């Protein structure tokens, strides 16, 4: 994802998951400690895509964004697991391509069908 596209990509997973890998250009906003105040630099009319592992956490954060007045919020279907399944690139904390994906825990790891599982 290119920053100059105007698209704001938000990773709603926790920082330890984000550091293993994330979609290039994504900003980590977390889930457990998420606050609308952390979004003050993003205009409410921005095109925003939220994602997490599968879509549960990002759906909830997306609803909070809509309630706060953000008008164009979408949830990435299937999250980073689906993104990786379709051969899309993820990067590590240094911005280097990686096959590793944090799967949250052992139980959730069954849903990652492509990539190296980390939990």
PDB file of N, CA and C in Angstrom:
ATOM      1  N   UNK A   1       0.840  -1.179   0.000  1.00  0.00           N
ATOM      2  CA  UNK A   1       0.000   0.000   0.000  1.00  0.00           C
ATOM      3  C   UNK A   1       0.886   1.245   0.000  1.00  0.00           C
ATOM      4  N   UNK A   2       0.567   2.172  -0.849  1.00  0.00           N
ATOM      5  CA  UNK A   2       1.348   3.394  -0.930  1.00  0.00           C
ATOM      6  C   UNK A   2       0.697   4.482  -0.096  1.00  0.00           C
ATOM      7  N   UNK A   3       1.519   5.213   0.663  1.00  0.00           N
ATOM      8  CA  UNK A   3       0.993   6.285   1.488  1.00  0.00           C
ATOM      9  C   UNK A   3       0.335   7.369   0.657  1.00  0.00           C
ATOM     10  N   UNK A   4       0.868   7.658  -0.536  1.00  0.00           N
ATOM     11  CA  UNK A   4       0.336   8.733  -1.346  1.00  0.00           C
ATOM     12  C   UNK A   4      -0.988   8.383  -2.020  1.00  0.00           C
ATOM     13  N   UNK A   5      -1.495   7.171  -1.815  1.00  0.00           N
ATOM     14  CA  UNK A   5      -2.768   6.769  -2.403  1.00  0.00           C
ATOM     15  C   UNK A   5      -3.943   7.392  -1.666  1.00  0.00           C
ATOM     16  N   UNK A   6      -3.703   7.947  -0.490  1.00  0.00           N
ATOM     17  CA  UNK A   6      -4.767   8.512   0.320  1.00  0.00           C
ATOM     18  C   UNK A   6      -5.442   7.489   1.208  1.00  0.00           C
ATOM     19  N   UNK A   7      -5.116   6.241   1.032  1.00  0.00           N
ATOM     20  CA  UNK A   7      -5.686   5.167   1.831  1.00  0.00           C
ATOM     21  C   UNK A   7      -4.959   5.072   3.164  1.00  0.00           C
ATOM     22  N   UNK A   8      -5.727   4.963   4.238  1.00  0.00           N
ATOM     23  CA  UNK A   8      -5.153   4.768   5.567  1.00  0.00           C
ATOM     24  C   UNK A   8      -5.401   3.318   5.956  1.00  0.00           C
ATOM     25  N   UNK A   9      -4.314   2.578   6.170  1.00  0.00           N
ATOM     26  CA  UNK A   9      -4.392   1.168   6.513  1.00  0.00           C
ATOM     27  C   UNK A   9      -4.054   1.008   7.989  1.00  0.00           C
ATOM     28  N   UNK A  10      -5.002   0.480   8.757  1.00  0.00           N
ATOM     29  CA  UNK A  10      -4.842   0.371  10.206  1.00  0.00           C
ATOM     30  C   UNK A  10      -4.840  -1.091  10.650  1.00  0.00           C
ATOM     31  N   UNK A  11      -3.777  -1.478  11.321  1.00  0.00           N
ATOM     32  CA  UNK A  11      -3.624  -2.822  11.885  1.00  0.00           C
ATOM     33  C   UNK A  11      -4.151  -2.781  13.308  1.00  0.00           C
ATOM     34  N   UNK A  12      -5.209  -3.535  13.571  1.00  0.00           N
ATOM     35  CA  UNK A  12      -5.846  -3.499  14.891  1.00  0.00           C
ATOM     36  C   UNK A  12      -5.368  -4.617  15.815  1.00  0.00           C
ATOM     37  N   UNK A  13      -4.303  -5.304  15.399  1.00  0.00           N
ATOM     38  CA  UNK A  13      -3.718  -6.326  16.265  1.00  0.00           C
ATOM     39  C   UNK A  13      -2.804  -5.644  17.283  1.00  0.00           C
ATOM     40  N   UNK A  14      -2.305  -6.407  18.222  1.00  0.00           N
ATOM     41  CA  UNK A  14      -1.396  -5.856  19.225  1.00  0.00           C
ATOM     42  C   UNK A  14       0.005  -5.682  18.639  1.00  0.00           C
ATOM     43  N   UNK A  15       0.806  -4.855  19.274  1.00  0.00           N
ATOM     44  CA  UNK A  15       2.129  -4.498  18.762  1.00  0.00           C
ATOM     45  C   UNK A  15       3.036  -5.721  18.583  1.00  0.00           C
ATOM     46  N   UNK A  16       2.938  -6.713  19.469  1.00  0.00           N
ATOM     47  CA  UNK A  16       3.782  -7.907  19.314  1.00  0.00           C
ATOM     48  C   UNK A  16       3.418  -8.676  18.046  1.00  0.00           C
ATOM     49  N   UNK A  17       2.152  -8.659  17.642  1.00  0.00           N
ATOM     50  CA  UNK A  17       1.730  -9.299  16.400  1.00  0.00           C
ATOM     51  C   UNK A  17       2.223  -8.487  15.199  1.00  0.00           C
ATOM     52  N   UNK A  18       2.069  -7.183  15.289  1.00  0.00           N
ATOM     53  CA  UNK A  18       2.481  -6.259  14.221  1.00  0.00           C
ATOM     54  C   UNK A  18       3.978  -6.348  13.943  1.00  0.00           C
ATOM     55  N   UNK A  19       4.774  -6.483  14.996  1.00  0.00           N
ATOM     56  CA  UNK A  19       6.226  -6.552  14.818  1.00  0.00           C
ATOM     57  C   UNK A  19       6.668  -7.805  14.067  1.00  0.00           C
ATOM     58  N   UNK A  20       5.936  -8.911  14.210  1.00  0.00           N
ATOM     59  CA  UNK A  20       6.276 -10.135  13.471  1.00  0.00           C
ATOM     60  C   UNK A  20       6.069  -9.887  11.989  1.00  0.00           C
ATOM     61  N   UNK A  21       4.916  -9.356  11.628  1.00  0.00           N
ATOM     62  CA  UNK A  21       4.642  -8.972  10.245  1.00  0.00           C
ATOM     63  C   UNK A  21       3.364  -8.156  10.182  1.00  0.00           C
ATOM     64  N   UNK A  22       3.280  -7.355   9.143  1.00  0.00           N
ATOM     65  CA  UNK A  22       2.104  -6.541   8.884  1.00  0.00           C
ATOM     66  C   UNK A  22       2.070  -6.199   7.402  1.00  0.00           C
ATOM     67  N   UNK A  23       0.966  -5.670   6.970  1.00  0.00           N
ATOM     68  CA  UNK A  23       0.849  -5.227   5.587  1.00  0.00           C
ATOM     69  C   UNK A  23       1.638  -3.930   5.460  1.00  0.00           C
ATOM     70  N   UNK A  24       2.446  -3.856   4.419  1.00  0.00           N
ATOM     71  CA  UNK A  24       3.311  -2.692   4.227  1.00  0.00           C
ATOM     72  C   UNK A  24       2.486  -1.404   4.221  1.00  0.00           C
ATOM     73  N   UNK A  25       2.950  -0.433   4.971  1.00  0.00           N
ATOM     74  CA  UNK A  25       2.277   0.858   5.050  1.00  0.00           C
ATOM     75  C   UNK A  25       1.229   0.953   6.141  1.00  0.00           C
ATOM     76  N   UNK A  26       0.972  -0.152   6.834  1.00  0.00           N
ATOM     77  CA  UNK A  26      -0.048  -0.149   7.882  1.00  0.00           C
ATOM     78  C   UNK A  26       0.467   0.520   9.147  1.00  0.00           C
ATOM     79  N   UNK A  27      -0.450   1.133   9.850  1.00  0.00           N
ATOM     80  CA  UNK A  27      -0.171   1.758  11.138  1.00  0.00           C
ATOM     81  C   UNK A  27      -0.809   0.900  12.224  1.00  0.00           C
ATOM     82  N   UNK A  28      -0.033   0.552  13.230  1.00  0.00           N
ATOM     83  CA  UNK A  28      -0.557  -0.261  14.332  1.00  0.00           C
ATOM     84  C   UNK A  28      -1.313   0.635  15.311  1.00  0.00           C
ATOM     85  N   UNK A  29      -2.595   0.316  15.516  1.00  0.00           N
ATOM     86  CA  UNK A  29      -3.392   1.071  16.480  1.00  0.00           C
ATOM     87  C   UNK A  29      -3.826   0.194  17.651  1.00  0.00           C
ATOM     88  N   UNK A  30      -3.540  -1.099  17.547  1.00  0.00           N
ATOM     89  CA  UNK A  30      -3.857  -2.015  18.638  1.00  0.00           C
ATOM     90  C   UNK A  30      -5.342  -2.249  18.798  1.00  0.00           C
ATOM     91  N   UNK A  31      -5.641  -3.098  19.746  1.00  0.00           N
ATOM     92  CA  UNK A  31      -7.038  -3.428  20.050  1.00  0.00           C
ATOM     93  C   UNK A  31      -7.332  -3.196  21.530  1.00  0.00           C
ATOM     94  N   UNK A  32      -6.542  -3.821  22.392  1.00  0.00           N
ATOM     95  CA  UNK A  32      -6.816  -3.746  23.826  1.00  0.00           C
ATOM     96  C   UNK A  32      -6.776  -2.324  24.373  1.00  0.00           C
ATOM     97  N   UNK A  33      -5.848  -1.515  23.889  1.00  0.00           N
ATOM     98  CA  UNK A  33      -5.699  -0.146  24.391  1.00  0.00           C
ATOM     99  C   UNK A  33      -6.084   0.898  23.349  1.00  0.00           C
ATOM    100  N   UNK A  34      -6.878   0.526  22.356  1.00  0.00           N
ATOM    101  CA  UNK A  34      -7.265   1.471  21.311  1.00  0.00           C
ATOM    102  C   UNK A  34      -8.015   2.661  21.894  1.00  0.00           C
ATOM    103  N   UNK A  35      -7.692   3.851  21.378  1.00  0.00           N
ATOM    104  CA  UNK A  35      -8.437   5.050  21.756  1.00  0.00           C
ATOM    105  C   UNK A  35      -8.654   5.916  20.528  1.00  0.00           C
ATOM    106  N   UNK A  36      -9.820   6.506  20.437  1.00  0.00           N
ATOM    107  CA  UNK A  36     -10.151   7.404  19.330  1.00  0.00           C
ATOM    108  C   UNK A  36      -9.165   8.571  19.299  1.00  0.00           C
ATOM    109  N   UNK A  37      -8.658   8.983  20.450  1.00  0.00           N
ATOM    110  CA  UNK A  37      -7.707  10.098  20.505  1.00  0.00           C
ATOM    111  C   UNK A  37      -6.460   9.822  19.675  1.00  0.00           C
ATOM    112  N   UNK A  38      -6.091   8.553  19.524  1.00  0.00           N
ATOM    113  CA  UNK A  38      -4.909   8.204  18.727  1.00  0.00           C
ATOM    114  C   UNK A  38      -5.143   8.415  17.236  1.00  0.00           C
ATOM    115  N   UNK A  39      -6.354   8.720  16.858  1.00  0.00           N
ATOM    116  CA  UNK A  39      -6.724   8.887  15.455  1.00  0.00           C
ATOM    117  C   UNK A  39      -6.867  10.352  15.059  1.00  0.00           C
ATOM    118  N   UNK A  40      -6.568  11.269  15.968  1.00  0.00           N
ATOM    119  CA  UNK A  40      -6.822  12.691  15.728  1.00  0.00           C
ATOM    120  C   UNK A  40      -6.144  13.247  14.486  1.00  0.00           C
ATOM    121  N   UNK A  41      -5.033  12.650  14.059  1.00  0.00           N
ATOM    122  CA  UNK A  41      -4.323  13.143  12.880  1.00  0.00           C
ATOM    123  C   UNK A  41      -4.916  12.634  11.567  1.00  0.00           C
ATOM    124  N   UNK A  42      -5.929  11.793  11.649  1.00  0.00           N
ATOM    125  CA  UNK A  42      -6.550  11.228  10.448  1.00  0.00           C
ATOM    126  C   UNK A  42      -7.909  11.900  10.231  1.00  0.00           C
ATOM    127  N   UNK A  43      -8.080  12.601   9.105  1.00  0.00           N
ATOM    128  CA  UNK A  43      -9.364  13.260   8.830  1.00  0.00           C
ATOM    129  C   UNK A  43     -10.514  12.249   8.778  1.00  0.00           C
ATOM    130  N   UNK A  44     -11.687  12.666   9.221  1.00  0.00           N
ATOM    131  CA  UNK A  44     -12.835  11.762   9.286  1.00  0.00           C
ATOM    132  C   UNK A  44     -13.359  11.350   7.914  1.00  0.00           C
ATOM    133  N   UNK A  45     -12.943  12.051   6.849  1.00  0.00           N
ATOM    134  CA  UNK A  45     -13.388  11.664   5.512  1.00  0.00           C
ATOM    135  C   UNK A  45     -12.360  10.801   4.778  1.00  0.00           C
ATOM    136  N   UNK A  46     -11.296  10.386   5.469  1.00  0.00           N
ATOM    137  CA  UNK A  46     -10.265   9.537   4.866  1.00  0.00           C
ATOM    138  C   UNK A  46     -10.829   8.161   4.529  1.00  0.00           C
ATOM    139  N   UNK A  47     -10.266   7.553   3.478  1.00  0.00           N
ATOM    140  CA  UNK A  47     -10.596   6.167   3.172  1.00  0.00           C
ATOM    141  C   UNK A  47      -9.754   5.294   4.087  1.00  0.00           C
ATOM    142  N   UNK A  48     -10.401   4.533   4.958  1.00  0.00           N
ATOM    143  CA  UNK A  48      -9.725   3.748   5.981  1.00  0.00           C
ATOM    144  C   UNK A  48     -10.048   2.272   5.801  1.00  0.00           C
ATOM    145  N   UNK A  49      -9.004   1.434   5.852  1.00  0.00           N
ATOM    146  CA  UNK A  49      -9.185  -0.012   5.858  1.00  0.00           C
ATOM    147  C   UNK A  49      -8.560  -0.534   7.139  1.00  0.00           C
ATOM    148  N   UNK A  50      -9.345  -1.255   7.926  1.00  0.00           N
ATOM    149  CA  UNK A  50      -8.860  -1.869   9.157  1.00  0.00           C
ATOM    150  C   UNK A  50      -8.697  -3.363   8.930  1.00  0.00           C
ATOM    151  N   UNK A  51      -7.724  -3.948   9.622  1.00  0.00           N
ATOM    152  CA  UNK A  51      -7.557  -5.399   9.541  1.00  0.00           C
ATOM    153  C   UNK A  51      -6.970  -5.916  10.839  1.00  0.00           C
ATOM    154  N   UNK A  52      -7.122  -7.229  11.040  1.00  0.00           N
ATOM    155  CA  UNK A  52      -6.504  -7.952  12.163  1.00  0.00           C
ATOM    156  C   UNK A  52      -6.122  -9.326  11.625  1.00  0.00           C
ATOM    157  N   UNK A  53      -6.202 -10.351  12.438  1.00  0.00           N
ATOM    158  CA  UNK A  53      -5.853 -11.692  11.974  1.00  0.00           C
ATOM    159  C   UNK A  53      -6.905 -12.241  11.013  1.00  0.00           C
ATOM    160  N   UNK A  54      -8.157 -12.252  11.461  1.00  0.00           N
ATOM    161  CA  UNK A  54      -9.255 -12.800  10.656  1.00  0.00           C
ATOM    162  C   UNK A  54     -10.366 -11.799  10.362  1.00  0.00           C
ATOM    163  N   UNK A  55     -10.503 -10.778  11.200  1.00  0.00           N
ATOM    164  CA  UNK A  55     -11.530  -9.769  10.972  1.00  0.00           C
ATOM    165  C   UNK A  55     -12.411  -9.435  12.152  1.00  0.00           C
ATOM    166  N   UNK A  56     -12.274 -10.153  13.251  1.00  0.00           N
ATOM    167  CA  UNK A  56     -13.137  -9.924  14.413  1.00  0.00           C
ATOM    168  C   UNK A  56     -12.766  -8.624  15.128  1.00  0.00           C
ATOM    169  N   UNK A  57     -11.514  -8.491  15.499  1.00  0.00           N
ATOM    170  CA  UNK A  57     -11.074  -7.285  16.215  1.00  0.00           C
ATOM    171  C   UNK A  57     -11.213  -6.044  15.330  1.00  0.00           C
ATOM    172  N   UNK A  58     -10.847  -6.180  14.069  1.00  0.00           N
ATOM    173  CA  UNK A  58     -10.926  -5.022  13.177  1.00  0.00           C
ATOM    174  C   UNK A  58     -12.377  -4.590  12.953  1.00  0.00           C
ATOM    175  N   UNK A  59     -13.296  -5.523  12.927  1.00  0.00           N
ATOM    176  CA  UNK A  59     -14.714  -5.167  12.794  1.00  0.00           C
ATOM    177  C   UNK A  59     -15.153  -4.307  13.972  1.00  0.00           C
ATOM    178  N   UNK A  60     -14.729  -4.683  15.167  1.00  0.00           N
ATOM    179  CA  UNK A  60     -15.110  -3.921  16.358  1.00  0.00           C
ATOM    180  C   UNK A  60     -14.478  -2.527  16.362  1.00  0.00           C
ATOM    181  N   UNK A  61     -13.216  -2.436  15.971  1.00  0.00           N
ATOM    182  CA  UNK A  61     -12.557  -1.124  15.894  1.00  0.00           C
ATOM    183  C   UNK A  61     -13.203  -0.292  14.788  1.00  0.00           C
ATOM    184  N   UNK A  62     -13.532  -0.913  13.674  1.00  0.00           N
ATOM    185  CA  UNK A  62     -14.213  -0.215  12.587  1.00  0.00           C
ATOM    186  C   UNK A  62     -15.521   0.410  13.044  1.00  0.00           C
ATOM    187  N   UNK A  63     -16.277  -0.319  13.847  1.00  0.00           N
ATOM    188  CA  UNK A  63     -17.535   0.216  14.383  1.00  0.00           C
ATOM    189  C   UNK A  63     -17.279   1.414  15.298  1.00  0.00           C
ATOM    190  N   UNK A  64     -16.214   1.342  16.104  1.00  0.00           N
ATOM    191  CA  UNK A  64     -15.866   2.479  16.968  1.00  0.00           C
ATOM    192  C   UNK A  64     -15.498   3.702  16.133  1.00  0.00           C
ATOM    193  N   UNK A  65     -14.789   3.478  15.039  1.00  0.00           N
ATOM    194  CA  UNK A  65     -14.417   4.586  14.157  1.00  0.00           C
ATOM    195  C   UNK A  65     -15.662   5.220  13.536  1.00  0.00           C
ATOM    196  N   UNK A  66     -16.589   4.392  13.082  1.00  0.00           N
ATOM    197  CA  UNK A  66     -17.827   4.911  12.502  1.00  0.00           C
ATOM    198  C   UNK A  66     -18.624   5.709  13.531  1.00  0.00           C
ATOM    199  N   UNK A  67     -18.701   5.183  14.758  1.00  0.00           N
ATOM    200  CA  UNK A  67     -19.416   5.885  15.825  1.00  0.00           C
ATOM    201  C   UNK A  67     -18.777   7.234  16.137  1.00  0.00           C
ATOM    202  N   UNK A  68     -17.459   7.331  15.908  1.00  0.00           N
ATOM    203  CA  UNK A  68     -16.735   8.577  16.170  1.00  0.00           C
ATOM    204  C   UNK A  68     -16.795   9.545  14.988  1.00  0.00           C
ATOM    205  N   UNK A  69     -17.482   9.149  13.916  1.00  0.00           N
ATOM    206  CA  UNK A  69     -17.680  10.059  12.801  1.00  0.00           C
ATOM    207  C   UNK A  69     -16.849   9.794  11.559  1.00  0.00           C
ATOM    208  N   UNK A  70     -16.068   8.713  11.557  1.00  0.00           N
ATOM    209  CA  UNK A  70     -15.313   8.362  10.356  1.00  0.00           C
ATOM    210  C   UNK A  70     -16.298   7.779   9.345  1.00  0.00           C
ATOM    211  N   UNK A  71     -16.267   8.308   8.127  1.00  0.00           N
ATOM    212  CA  UNK A  71     -17.322   8.018   7.158  1.00  0.00           C
ATOM    213  C   UNK A  71     -17.024   6.888   6.187  1.00  0.00           C
ATOM    214  N   UNK A  72     -15.748   6.592   5.946  1.00  0.00           N
ATOM    215  CA  UNK A  72     -15.388   5.640   4.895  1.00  0.00           C
ATOM    216  C   UNK A  72     -14.459   4.567   5.463  1.00  0.00           C
ATOM    217  N   UNK A  73     -15.026   3.684   6.288  1.00  0.00           N
ATOM    218  CA  UNK A  73     -14.254   2.644   6.977  1.00  0.00           C
ATOM    219  C   UNK A  73     -14.648   1.278   6.437  1.00  0.00           C
ATOM    220  N   UNK A  74     -13.643   0.515   6.045  1.00  0.00           N
ATOM    221  CA  UNK A  74     -13.880  -0.842   5.544  1.00  0.00           C
ATOM    222  C   UNK A  74     -13.024  -1.829   6.335  1.00  0.00           C
ATOM    223  N   UNK A  75     -13.512  -3.056   6.433  1.00  0.00           N
ATOM    224  CA  UNK A  75     -12.793  -4.130   7.114  1.00  0.00           C
ATOM    225  C   UNK A  75     -12.219  -5.057   6.044  1.00  0.00           C
ATOM    226  N   UNK A  76     -10.914  -5.337   6.111  1.00  0.00           N
ATOM    227  CA  UNK A  76     -10.273  -6.235   5.147  1.00  0.00           C
ATOM    228  C   UNK A  76     -10.782  -7.658   5.378  1.00  0.00           C
ATOM    229  N   UNK A  77     -11.531  -8.181   4.428  1.00  0.00           N
ATOM    230  CA  UNK A  77     -12.127  -9.505   4.547  1.00  0.00           C
ATOM    231  C   UNK A  77     -11.057 -10.561   4.811  1.00  0.00           C
ATOM    232  N   UNK A  78     -11.220 -11.319   5.881  1.00  0.00           N
ATOM    233  CA  UNK A  78     -10.308 -12.408   6.204  1.00  0.00           C
ATOM    234  C   UNK A  78      -9.006 -11.979   6.858  1.00  0.00           C
ATOM    235  N   UNK A  79      -8.800 -10.690   7.016  1.00  0.00           N
ATOM    236  CA  UNK A  79      -7.624 -10.170   7.708  1.00  0.00           C
ATOM    237  C   UNK A  79      -6.310 -10.523   7.045  1.00  0.00           C
ATOM    238  N   UNK A  80      -5.253 -10.447   7.838  1.00  0.00           N
ATOM    239  CA  UNK A  80      -3.909 -10.718   7.333  1.00  0.00           C
ATOM    240  C   UNK A  80      -3.743 -12.190   6.938  1.00  0.00           C
ATOM    241  N   UNK A  81      -4.527 -13.094   7.545  1.00  0.00           N
ATOM    242  CA  UNK A  81      -4.451 -14.510   7.173  1.00  0.00           C
ATOM    243  C   UNK A  81      -4.890 -14.691   5.715  1.00  0.00           C
ATOM    244  N   UNK A  82      -5.988 -14.075   5.344  1.00  0.00           N
ATOM    245  CA  UNK A  82      -6.496 -14.168   3.978  1.00  0.00           C
ATOM    246  C   UNK A  82      -5.559 -13.438   3.014  1.00  0.00           C
ATOM    247  N   UNK A  83      -5.035 -12.307   3.439  1.00  0.00           N
ATOM    248  CA  UNK A  83      -4.073 -11.536   2.642  1.00  0.00           C
ATOM    249  C   UNK A  83      -2.883 -12.418   2.274  1.00  0.00           C
ATOM    250  N   UNK A  84      -2.341 -13.097   3.262  1.00  0.00           N
ATOM    251  CA  UNK A  84      -1.185 -13.974   3.042  1.00  0.00           C
ATOM    252  C   UNK A  84      -1.577 -15.191   2.197  1.00  0.00           C
ATOM    253  N   UNK A  85      -2.755 -15.718   2.420  1.00  0.00           N
ATOM    254  CA  UNK A  85      -3.232 -16.882   1.667  1.00  0.00           C
ATOM    255  C   UNK A  85      -3.253 -16.588   0.168  1.00  0.00           C
ATOM    256  N   UNK A  86      -3.582 -15.379  -0.191  1.00  0.00           N
ATOM    257  CA  UNK A  86      -3.654 -14.990  -1.598  1.00  0.00           C
ATOM    258  C   UNK A  86      -2.318 -14.507  -2.151  1.00  0.00           C
ATOM    259  N   UNK A  87      -1.242 -14.789  -1.411  1.00  0.00           N
ATOM    260  CA  UNK A  87       0.090 -14.506  -1.910  1.00  0.00           C
ATOM    261  C   UNK A  87       0.543 -13.064  -1.790  1.00  0.00           C
ATOM    262  N   UNK A  88      -0.163 -12.280  -1.009  1.00  0.00           N
ATOM    263  CA  UNK A  88       0.212 -10.884  -0.836  1.00  0.00           C
ATOM    264  C   UNK A  88       1.377 -10.774   0.158  1.00  0.00           C
ATOM    265  N   UNK A  89       2.175  -9.744  -0.013  1.00  0.00           N
ATOM    266  CA  UNK A  89       3.366  -9.560   0.810  1.00  0.00           C
ATOM    267  C   UNK A  89       3.034  -8.973   2.187  1.00  0.00           C
ATOM    268  N   UNK A  90       3.764  -9.461   3.182  1.00  0.00           N
ATOM    269  CA  UNK A  90       3.788  -8.841   4.501  1.00  0.00           C
ATOM    270  C   UNK A  90       5.244  -8.534   4.819  1.00  0.00           C
ATOM    271  N   UNK A  91       5.449  -7.555   5.701  1.00  0.00           N
ATOM    272  CA  UNK A  91       6.808  -7.147   6.051  1.00  0.00           C
ATOM    273  C   UNK A  91       7.018  -7.251   7.554  1.00  0.00           C
ATOM    274  N   UNK A  92       8.284  -7.402   7.947  1.00  0.00           N
ATOM    275  CA  UNK A  92       8.624  -7.461   9.370  1.00  0.00           C
ATOM    276  C   UNK A  92       8.805  -6.052   9.925  1.00  0.00           C
ATOM    277  N   UNK A  93       9.244  -5.953  11.187  1.00  0.00           N
ATOM    278  CA  UNK A  93       9.361  -4.643  11.831  1.00  0.00           C
ATOM    279  C   UNK A  93      10.394  -3.738  11.173  1.00  0.00           C
ATOM    280  N   UNK A  94      11.296  -4.309  10.383  1.00  0.00           N
ATOM    281  CA  UNK A  94      12.295  -3.507   9.670  1.00  0.00           C
ATOM    282  C   UNK A  94      11.847  -3.173   8.250  1.00  0.00           C
ATOM    283  N   UNK A  95      10.670  -3.652   7.868  1.00  0.00           N
ATOM    284  CA  UNK A  95      10.156  -3.384   6.533  1.00  0.00           C
ATOM    285  C   UNK A  95      10.585  -4.385   5.480  1.00  0.00           C
ATOM    286  N   UNK A  96      11.197  -5.490   5.918  1.00  0.00           N
ATOM    287  CA  UNK A  96      11.651  -6.528   4.988  1.00  0.00           C
ATOM    288  C   UNK A  96      10.561  -7.578   4.779  1.00  0.00           C
ATOM    289  N   UNK A  97      10.375  -8.047   3.544  1.00  0.00           N
ATOM    290  CA  UNK A  97       9.388  -9.098   3.297  1.00  0.00           C
ATOM    291  C   UNK A  97       9.673 -10.335   4.159  1.00  0.00           C
ATOM    292  N   UNK A  98       8.619 -10.974   4.631  1.00  0.00           N
ATOM    293  CA  UNK A  98       8.743 -12.161   5.473  1.00  0.00           C
ATOM    294  C   UNK A  98       7.571 -13.108   5.211  1.00  0.00           C
ATOM    295  N   UNK A  99       7.763 -14.380   5.525  1.00  0.00           N
ATOM    296  CA  UNK A  99       6.673 -15.353   5.459  1.00  0.00           C
ATOM    297  C   UNK A  99       6.012 -15.551   6.817  1.00  0.00           C
ATOM    298  N   UNK A 100       6.590 -14.959   7.860  1.00  0.00           N
ATOM    299  CA  UNK A 100       6.062 -15.137   9.210  1.00  0.00           C
ATOM    300  C   UNK A 100       4.792 -14.311   9.423  1.00  0.00           C
ATOM    301  N   UNK A 101       3.841 -14.923  10.118  1.00  0.00           N
ATOM    302  CA  UNK A 101       2.613 -14.239  10.505  1.00  0.00           C
ATOM    303  C   UNK A 101       2.291 -14.651  11.929  1.00  0.00           C
ATOM    304  N   UNK A 102       2.068 -13.665  12.792  1.00  0.00           N
ATOM    305  CA  UNK A 102       1.665 -13.959  14.165  1.00  0.00           C
ATOM    306  C   UNK A 102       0.224 -14.437  14.136  1.00  0.00           C
ATOM    307  N   UNK A 103      -0.023 -15.608  14.693  1.00  0.00           N
ATOM    308  CA  UNK A 103      -1.359 -16.203  14.622  1.00  0.00           C
ATOM    309  C   UNK A 103      -2.175 -16.029  15.900  1.00  0.00           C
ATOM    310  N   UNK A 104      -1.761 -15.137  16.768  1.00  0.00           N
ATOM    311  CA  UNK A 104      -2.437 -14.818  18.024  1.00  0.00           C
ATOM    312  C   UNK A 104      -2.171 -15.886  19.078  1.00  0.00           C
ATOM    313  N   UNK A 105      -2.546 -17.114  18.804  1.00  0.00           N
ATOM    314  CA  UNK A 105      -2.222 -18.230  19.705  1.00  0.00           C
ATOM    315  C   UNK A 105      -2.316 -19.536  18.907  1.00  0.00           C
ATOM    316  N   UNK A 106      -2.033 -20.637  19.576  1.00  0.00           N
ATOM    317  CA  UNK A 106      -2.008 -21.932  18.887  1.00  0.00           C
ATOM    318  C   UNK A 106      -3.361 -22.289  18.277  1.00  0.00           C
ATOM    319  N   UNK A 107      -4.431 -22.013  18.994  1.00  0.00           N
ATOM    320  CA  UNK A 107      -5.767 -22.339  18.499  1.00  0.00           C
ATOM    321  C   UNK A 107      -6.090 -21.594  17.194  1.00  0.00           C
ATOM    322  N   UNK A 108      -5.780 -20.297  17.143  1.00  0.00           N
ATOM    323  CA  UNK A 108      -6.063 -19.495  15.956  1.00  0.00           C
ATOM    324  C   UNK A 108      -5.132 -19.841  14.797  1.00  0.00           C
ATOM    325  N   UNK A 109      -3.996 -20.469  15.087  1.00  0.00           N
ATOM    326  CA  UNK A 109      -3.016 -20.749  14.033  1.00  0.00           C
ATOM    327  C   UNK A 109      -3.559 -21.690  12.957  1.00  0.00           C
ATOM    328  N   UNK A 110      -4.582 -22.464  13.281  1.00  0.00           N
ATOM    329  CA  UNK A 110      -5.157 -23.376  12.289  1.00  0.00           C
ATOM    330  C   UNK A 110      -5.761 -22.630  11.101  1.00  0.00           C
ATOM    331  N   UNK A 111      -6.053 -21.355  11.275  1.00  0.00           N
ATOM    332  CA  UNK A 111      -6.673 -20.570  10.206  1.00  0.00           C
ATOM    333  C   UNK A 111      -5.661 -19.954   9.242  1.00  0.00           C
ATOM    334  N   UNK A 112      -4.382 -19.968   9.604  1.00  0.00           N
ATOM    335  CA  UNK A 112      -3.352 -19.478   8.693  1.00  0.00           C
ATOM    336  C   UNK A 112      -2.935 -20.633   7.795  1.00  0.00           C
ATOM    337  N   UNK A 113      -3.309 -20.570   6.525  1.00  0.00           N
ATOM    338  CA  UNK A 113      -3.089 -21.682   5.606  1.00  0.00           C
ATOM    339  C   UNK A 113      -1.799 -21.531   4.780  1.00  0.00           C
ATOM    340  N   UNK A 114      -1.244 -20.329   4.735  1.00  0.00           N
ATOM    341  CA  UNK A 114       0.027 -20.089   4.044  1.00  0.00           C
ATOM    342  C   UNK A 114       0.871 -19.176   4.918  1.00  0.00           C
ATOM    343  N   UNK A 115       2.166 -19.458   4.982  1.00  0.00           N
ATOM    344  CA  UNK A 115       3.051 -18.645   5.799  1.00  0.00           C
ATOM    345  C   UNK A 115       3.559 -19.426   6.997  1.00  0.00           C
ATOM    346  N   UNK A 116       4.542 -18.846   7.674  1.00  0.00           N
ATOM    347  CA  UNK A 116       5.116 -19.463   8.865  1.00  0.00           C
ATOM    348  C   UNK A 116       4.420 -18.934  10.097  1.00  0.00           C
ATOM    349  N   UNK A 117       3.880 -19.854  10.887  1.00  0.00           N
ATOM    350  CA  UNK A 117       3.087 -19.496  12.065  1.00  0.00           C
ATOM    351  C   UNK A 117       3.983 -19.109  13.242  1.00  0.00           C
ATOM    352  N   UNK A 118       3.679 -17.983  13.844  1.00  0.00           N
ATOM    353  CA  UNK A 118       4.371 -17.509  15.047  1.00  0.00           C
ATOM    354  C   UNK A 118       3.295 -17.161  16.069  1.00  0.00           C
ATOM    355  N   UNK A 119       3.473 -17.613  17.328  1.00  0.00           N
ATOM    356  CA  UNK A 119       2.532 -17.234  18.395  1.00  0.00           C
ATOM    357  C   UNK A 119       3.217 -17.290  19.734  1.00  0.00           C
TER     358      UNK A 119
END
